[in-house]
Amino acid sequence: MVFTATGPGKNPASKSKGTTKMTREQFRQWLDKIDLNDDGFISWNELYAALLVLGLKFKTWKVWRAMRKIDLNHNHVIDIGKERDLLVEYAEKHWGIIQAD
């Protein structure tokens, strides 16, 4: 499967001083858009494609690490609800893409 930079949707964040930042709400809404097959889950490939659009470095490692920490039921996808909320917190803490309120 090949993803393009426009695969999971455009980056809703603004770029200032070379860093990508978005609010928690923008990130939550964007997570809904990166679900390419509309199954309600975020797979490894969908999260990788999302990080590709954001322009983050070390995407493979970041996705692997996030999935390992966030996928509580070990079904290899990020579910709606608690796991998706954990992904927002994880992105804020580890990826630096969410603005401080």
N, C-alpha and C. Protein backbone atom coordinates (compact mmCIF):
# COMPACT_ATOMS: atom_id res chain seq x y z
N MET A 1 0.84 -1.17 0.00
CA MET A 1 0.00 0.00 0.00
C MET A 1 0.89 1.23 0.00
N VAL A 2 0.59 2.16 -0.86
CA VAL A 2 1.40 3.37 -0.99
C VAL A 2 0.58 4.56 -0.52
N PHE A 3 1.17 5.38 0.32
CA PHE A 3 0.51 6.58 0.80
C PHE A 3 1.19 7.78 0.20
N THR A 4 0.42 8.79 -0.08
CA THR A 4 0.97 10.04 -0.55
C THR A 4 0.84 11.07 0.56
N ALA A 5 1.47 12.19 0.37
CA ALA A 5 1.43 13.23 1.39
C ALA A 5 0.02 13.78 1.58
N THR A 6 -0.88 13.55 0.63
CA THR A 6 -2.25 14.03 0.79
C THR A 6 -3.18 12.91 1.23
N GLY A 7 -2.64 11.71 1.47
CA GLY A 7 -3.44 10.55 1.83
C GLY A 7 -4.38 10.78 3.00
N PRO A 8 -3.87 11.07 4.19
CA PRO A 8 -4.76 11.20 5.33
C PRO A 8 -5.35 12.58 5.51
N GLY A 9 -5.23 13.43 4.54
CA GLY A 9 -5.79 14.77 4.67
C GLY A 9 -4.72 15.81 4.88
N LYS A 10 -5.08 17.02 4.63
CA LYS A 10 -4.12 18.11 4.78
C LYS A 10 -3.86 18.38 6.25
N ASN A 11 -2.69 18.89 6.50
CA ASN A 11 -2.31 19.25 7.87
C ASN A 11 -3.10 20.48 8.28
N PRO A 12 -3.95 20.36 9.32
CA PRO A 12 -4.76 21.51 9.73
C PRO A 12 -3.98 22.52 10.54
N ALA A 13 -2.75 22.21 10.85
CA ALA A 13 -1.96 23.06 11.73
C ALA A 13 -1.33 24.21 10.97
N SER A 14 -1.06 25.22 11.71
CA SER A 14 -0.32 26.34 11.14
C SER A 14 1.16 26.10 11.37
N LYS A 15 1.97 26.64 10.51
CA LYS A 15 3.42 26.50 10.68
C LYS A 15 3.98 27.85 11.08
N SER A 16 4.63 27.87 12.19
CA SER A 16 5.28 29.09 12.63
C SER A 16 6.67 28.73 13.15
N LYS A 17 7.65 29.47 12.70
CA LYS A 17 9.03 29.23 13.09
C LYS A 17 9.47 27.81 12.80
N GLY A 18 8.92 27.22 11.72
CA GLY A 18 9.37 25.91 11.27
C GLY A 18 8.80 24.74 12.05
N THR A 19 7.95 24.98 13.05
CA THR A 19 7.37 23.88 13.79
C THR A 19 5.88 23.80 13.52
N THR A 20 5.37 22.59 13.51
CA THR A 20 3.97 22.36 13.25
C THR A 20 3.23 22.29 14.58
N LYS A 21 2.22 23.11 14.75
CA LYS A 21 1.45 23.12 15.99
C LYS A 21 -0.03 23.15 15.65
N MET A 22 -0.82 22.46 16.45
CA MET A 22 -2.27 22.51 16.33
C MET A 22 -2.86 22.37 17.72
N THR A 23 -4.11 22.75 17.85
CA THR A 23 -4.76 22.62 19.15
C THR A 23 -5.16 21.16 19.35
N ARG A 24 -5.51 20.82 20.59
CA ARG A 24 -5.97 19.46 20.89
C ARG A 24 -7.22 19.14 20.07
N GLU A 25 -8.11 20.11 19.94
CA GLU A 25 -9.35 19.88 19.19
C GLU A 25 -9.06 19.67 17.71
N GLN A 26 -8.16 20.46 17.13
CA GLN A 26 -7.77 20.26 15.74
C GLN A 26 -7.18 18.87 15.55
N PHE A 27 -6.36 18.44 16.49
CA PHE A 27 -5.74 17.12 16.39
C PHE A 27 -6.80 16.03 16.47
N ARG A 28 -7.77 16.16 17.37
CA ARG A 28 -8.86 15.18 17.48
C ARG A 28 -9.66 15.10 16.18
N GLN A 29 -9.98 16.24 15.61
CA GLN A 29 -10.73 16.26 14.35
C GLN A 29 -9.90 15.65 13.23
N TRP A 30 -8.62 15.92 13.25
CA TRP A 30 -7.74 15.40 12.22
C TRP A 30 -7.61 13.88 12.32
N LEU A 31 -7.66 13.35 13.54
CA LEU A 31 -7.60 11.90 13.71
C LEU A 31 -8.77 11.22 13.01
N ASP A 32 -9.93 11.86 13.02
CA ASP A 32 -11.08 11.30 12.31
C ASP A 32 -10.83 11.24 10.81
N LYS A 33 -10.08 12.20 10.29
CA LYS A 33 -9.81 12.25 8.85
C LYS A 33 -8.74 11.27 8.41
N ILE A 34 -7.85 10.86 9.30
CA ILE A 34 -6.77 9.97 8.88
C ILE A 34 -7.20 8.51 8.83
N ASP A 35 -8.43 8.23 9.25
CA ASP A 35 -8.98 6.88 9.14
C ASP A 35 -9.37 6.67 7.68
N LEU A 36 -8.41 6.23 6.87
CA LEU A 36 -8.59 6.16 5.42
C LEU A 36 -9.66 5.18 4.97
N ASN A 37 -9.83 4.08 5.69
CA ASN A 37 -10.82 3.08 5.26
C ASN A 37 -12.14 3.20 6.04
N ASP A 38 -12.30 4.24 6.84
CA ASP A 38 -13.53 4.52 7.58
C ASP A 38 -14.02 3.35 8.42
N ASP A 39 -13.10 2.62 9.05
CA ASP A 39 -13.52 1.50 9.90
C ASP A 39 -13.63 1.91 11.36
N GLY A 40 -13.32 3.17 11.67
CA GLY A 40 -13.42 3.65 13.04
C GLY A 40 -12.17 3.43 13.87
N PHE A 41 -11.15 2.83 13.28
CA PHE A 41 -9.90 2.57 13.97
C PHE A 41 -8.76 3.25 13.22
N ILE A 42 -7.67 3.51 13.92
CA ILE A 42 -6.47 4.05 13.29
C ILE A 42 -5.43 2.94 13.29
N SER A 43 -5.05 2.51 12.11
CA SER A 43 -4.06 1.44 11.97
C SER A 43 -2.65 2.01 11.98
N TRP A 44 -1.68 1.11 12.02
CA TRP A 44 -0.28 1.51 11.98
C TRP A 44 -0.02 2.31 10.71
N ASN A 45 -0.49 1.81 9.56
CA ASN A 45 -0.25 2.49 8.28
C ASN A 45 -0.92 3.86 8.22
N GLU A 46 -2.11 3.98 8.77
CA GLU A 46 -2.80 5.27 8.77
C GLU A 46 -2.07 6.27 9.65
N LEU A 47 -1.59 5.84 10.80
CA LEU A 47 -0.85 6.74 11.68
C LEU A 47 0.48 7.13 11.04
N TYR A 48 1.13 6.20 10.38
CA TYR A 48 2.39 6.50 9.69
C TYR A 48 2.15 7.56 8.60
N ALA A 49 1.09 7.39 7.82
CA ALA A 49 0.78 8.35 6.76
C ALA A 49 0.48 9.72 7.35
N ALA A 50 -0.16 9.75 8.51
CA ALA A 50 -0.46 11.02 9.17
C ALA A 50 0.83 11.72 9.59
N LEU A 51 1.75 10.98 10.15
CA LEU A 51 3.02 11.59 10.57
C LEU A 51 3.84 12.04 9.37
N LEU A 52 3.66 11.34 8.25
CA LEU A 52 4.32 11.75 7.01
C LEU A 52 3.84 13.13 6.59
N VAL A 53 2.54 13.35 6.67
CA VAL A 53 1.96 14.65 6.31
C VAL A 53 2.45 15.73 7.27
N LEU A 54 2.57 15.39 8.54
CA LEU A 54 3.04 16.36 9.53
C LEU A 54 4.52 16.69 9.37
N GLY A 55 5.24 15.84 8.65
CA GLY A 55 6.66 16.10 8.42
C GLY A 55 7.55 15.75 9.59
N LEU A 56 7.09 14.86 10.46
CA LEU A 56 7.91 14.48 11.60
C LEU A 56 9.02 13.52 11.18
N LYS A 57 10.12 13.57 11.88
CA LYS A 57 11.24 12.66 11.62
C LYS A 57 11.05 11.38 12.40
N PHE A 58 11.72 10.33 11.99
CA PHE A 58 11.71 9.03 12.68
C PHE A 58 10.29 8.47 12.82
N LYS A 59 9.52 8.56 11.73
CA LYS A 59 8.12 8.16 11.75
C LYS A 59 7.91 6.71 12.13
N THR A 60 8.71 5.81 11.58
CA THR A 60 8.54 4.39 11.87
C THR A 60 8.68 4.13 13.36
N TRP A 61 9.72 4.68 13.96
CA TRP A 61 9.92 4.50 15.39
C TRP A 61 8.80 5.13 16.19
N LYS A 62 8.38 6.34 15.81
CA LYS A 62 7.34 7.04 16.55
C LYS A 62 6.01 6.29 16.50
N VAL A 63 5.67 5.74 15.35
CA VAL A 63 4.42 4.98 15.24
C VAL A 63 4.53 3.69 16.05
N TRP A 64 5.65 2.99 15.93
CA TRP A 64 5.83 1.75 16.68
C TRP A 64 5.69 2.00 18.19
N ARG A 65 6.36 3.05 18.65
CA ARG A 65 6.34 3.37 20.07
C ARG A 65 4.95 3.77 20.54
N ALA A 66 4.28 4.60 19.75
CA ALA A 66 2.92 5.04 20.11
C ALA A 66 1.96 3.86 20.16
N MET A 67 2.03 2.99 19.16
CA MET A 67 1.12 1.84 19.13
C MET A 67 1.39 0.93 20.33
N ARG A 68 2.64 0.77 20.67
CA ARG A 68 3.00 -0.09 21.81
C ARG A 68 2.46 0.48 23.13
N LYS A 69 2.51 1.80 23.27
CA LYS A 69 2.05 2.43 24.51
C LYS A 69 0.52 2.61 24.56
N ILE A 70 -0.10 2.87 23.42
CA ILE A 70 -1.50 3.28 23.38
C ILE A 70 -2.47 2.13 23.15
N ASP A 71 -2.08 1.13 22.39
CA ASP A 71 -2.98 0.01 22.06
C ASP A 71 -3.16 -0.90 23.28
N LEU A 72 -4.07 -0.53 24.15
CA LEU A 72 -4.24 -1.21 25.43
C LEU A 72 -4.73 -2.65 25.29
N ASN A 73 -5.59 -2.91 24.30
CA ASN A 73 -6.14 -4.26 24.14
C ASN A 73 -5.36 -5.10 23.12
N HIS A 74 -4.27 -4.57 22.62
CA HIS A 74 -3.34 -5.28 21.71
C HIS A 74 -4.02 -5.85 20.47
N ASN A 75 -4.95 -5.07 19.89
CA ASN A 75 -5.60 -5.51 18.65
C ASN A 75 -4.96 -4.85 17.42
N HIS A 76 -3.84 -4.20 17.60
CA HIS A 76 -3.02 -3.60 16.55
C HIS A 76 -3.66 -2.41 15.85
N VAL A 77 -4.64 -1.79 16.49
CA VAL A 77 -5.23 -0.55 16.00
C VAL A 77 -5.56 0.33 17.20
N ILE A 78 -5.74 1.62 16.95
CA ILE A 78 -6.15 2.54 17.99
C ILE A 78 -7.66 2.69 17.90
N ASP A 79 -8.34 2.31 18.96
CA ASP A 79 -9.80 2.31 19.00
C ASP A 79 -10.33 3.69 19.35
N ILE A 80 -11.61 3.88 19.05
CA ILE A 80 -12.31 5.10 19.45
C ILE A 80 -12.45 5.07 20.97
N GLY A 81 -12.39 6.22 21.57
CA GLY A 81 -12.57 6.31 23.02
C GLY A 81 -11.26 6.50 23.74
N LYS A 82 -11.02 5.65 24.73
CA LYS A 82 -9.86 5.80 25.61
C LYS A 82 -8.54 5.79 24.85
N GLU A 83 -8.37 4.86 23.90
CA GLU A 83 -7.10 4.79 23.16
C GLU A 83 -6.89 6.05 22.32
N ARG A 84 -7.94 6.58 21.71
CA ARG A 84 -7.80 7.79 20.92
C ARG A 84 -7.45 8.98 21.83
N ASP A 85 -8.05 9.03 23.02
CA ASP A 85 -7.71 10.10 23.97
C ASP A 85 -6.25 9.97 24.41
N LEU A 86 -5.79 8.73 24.60
CA LEU A 86 -4.39 8.51 24.96
C LEU A 86 -3.45 8.96 23.84
N LEU A 87 -3.88 8.77 22.58
CA LEU A 87 -3.06 9.21 21.46
C LEU A 87 -2.92 10.72 21.45
N VAL A 88 -3.98 11.44 21.78
CA VAL A 88 -3.91 12.91 21.86
C VAL A 88 -2.92 13.32 22.94
N GLU A 89 -3.02 12.70 24.10
CA GLU A 89 -2.08 13.01 25.19
C GLU A 89 -0.65 12.65 24.81
N TYR A 90 -0.48 11.51 24.14
CA TYR A 90 0.84 11.06 23.73
C TYR A 90 1.45 12.04 22.72
N ALA A 91 0.64 12.47 21.75
CA ALA A 91 1.12 13.41 20.73
C ALA A 91 1.52 14.74 21.37
N GLU A 92 0.77 15.16 22.36
CA GLU A 92 1.09 16.41 23.04
C GLU A 92 2.41 16.29 23.80
N LYS A 93 2.60 15.18 24.45
CA LYS A 93 3.79 14.99 25.29
C LYS A 93 5.05 14.65 24.49
N HIS A 94 4.92 13.75 23.51
CA HIS A 94 6.10 13.20 22.84
C HIS A 94 6.40 13.78 21.46
N TRP A 95 5.39 14.26 20.75
CA TRP A 95 5.61 14.72 19.40
C TRP A 95 5.67 16.25 19.30
N GLY A 96 5.21 16.93 20.33
CA GLY A 96 5.29 18.38 20.34
C GLY A 96 4.48 19.06 19.26
N ILE A 97 3.38 18.47 18.83
CA ILE A 97 2.60 19.06 17.74
C ILE A 97 1.34 19.74 18.24
N ILE A 98 1.08 19.66 19.55
CA ILE A 98 -0.13 20.26 20.09
C ILE A 98 0.27 21.47 20.94
N GLN A 99 -0.43 22.57 20.68
CA GLN A 99 -0.15 23.81 21.41
C GLN A 99 -0.55 23.68 22.86
N ALA A 100 0.18 24.35 23.69
CA ALA A 100 -0.22 24.43 25.10
C ALA A 100 -1.39 25.39 25.20
N ASP A 101 -2.37 25.04 26.02
CA ASP A 101 -3.56 25.89 26.17
C ASP A 101 -3.27 27.12 26.97
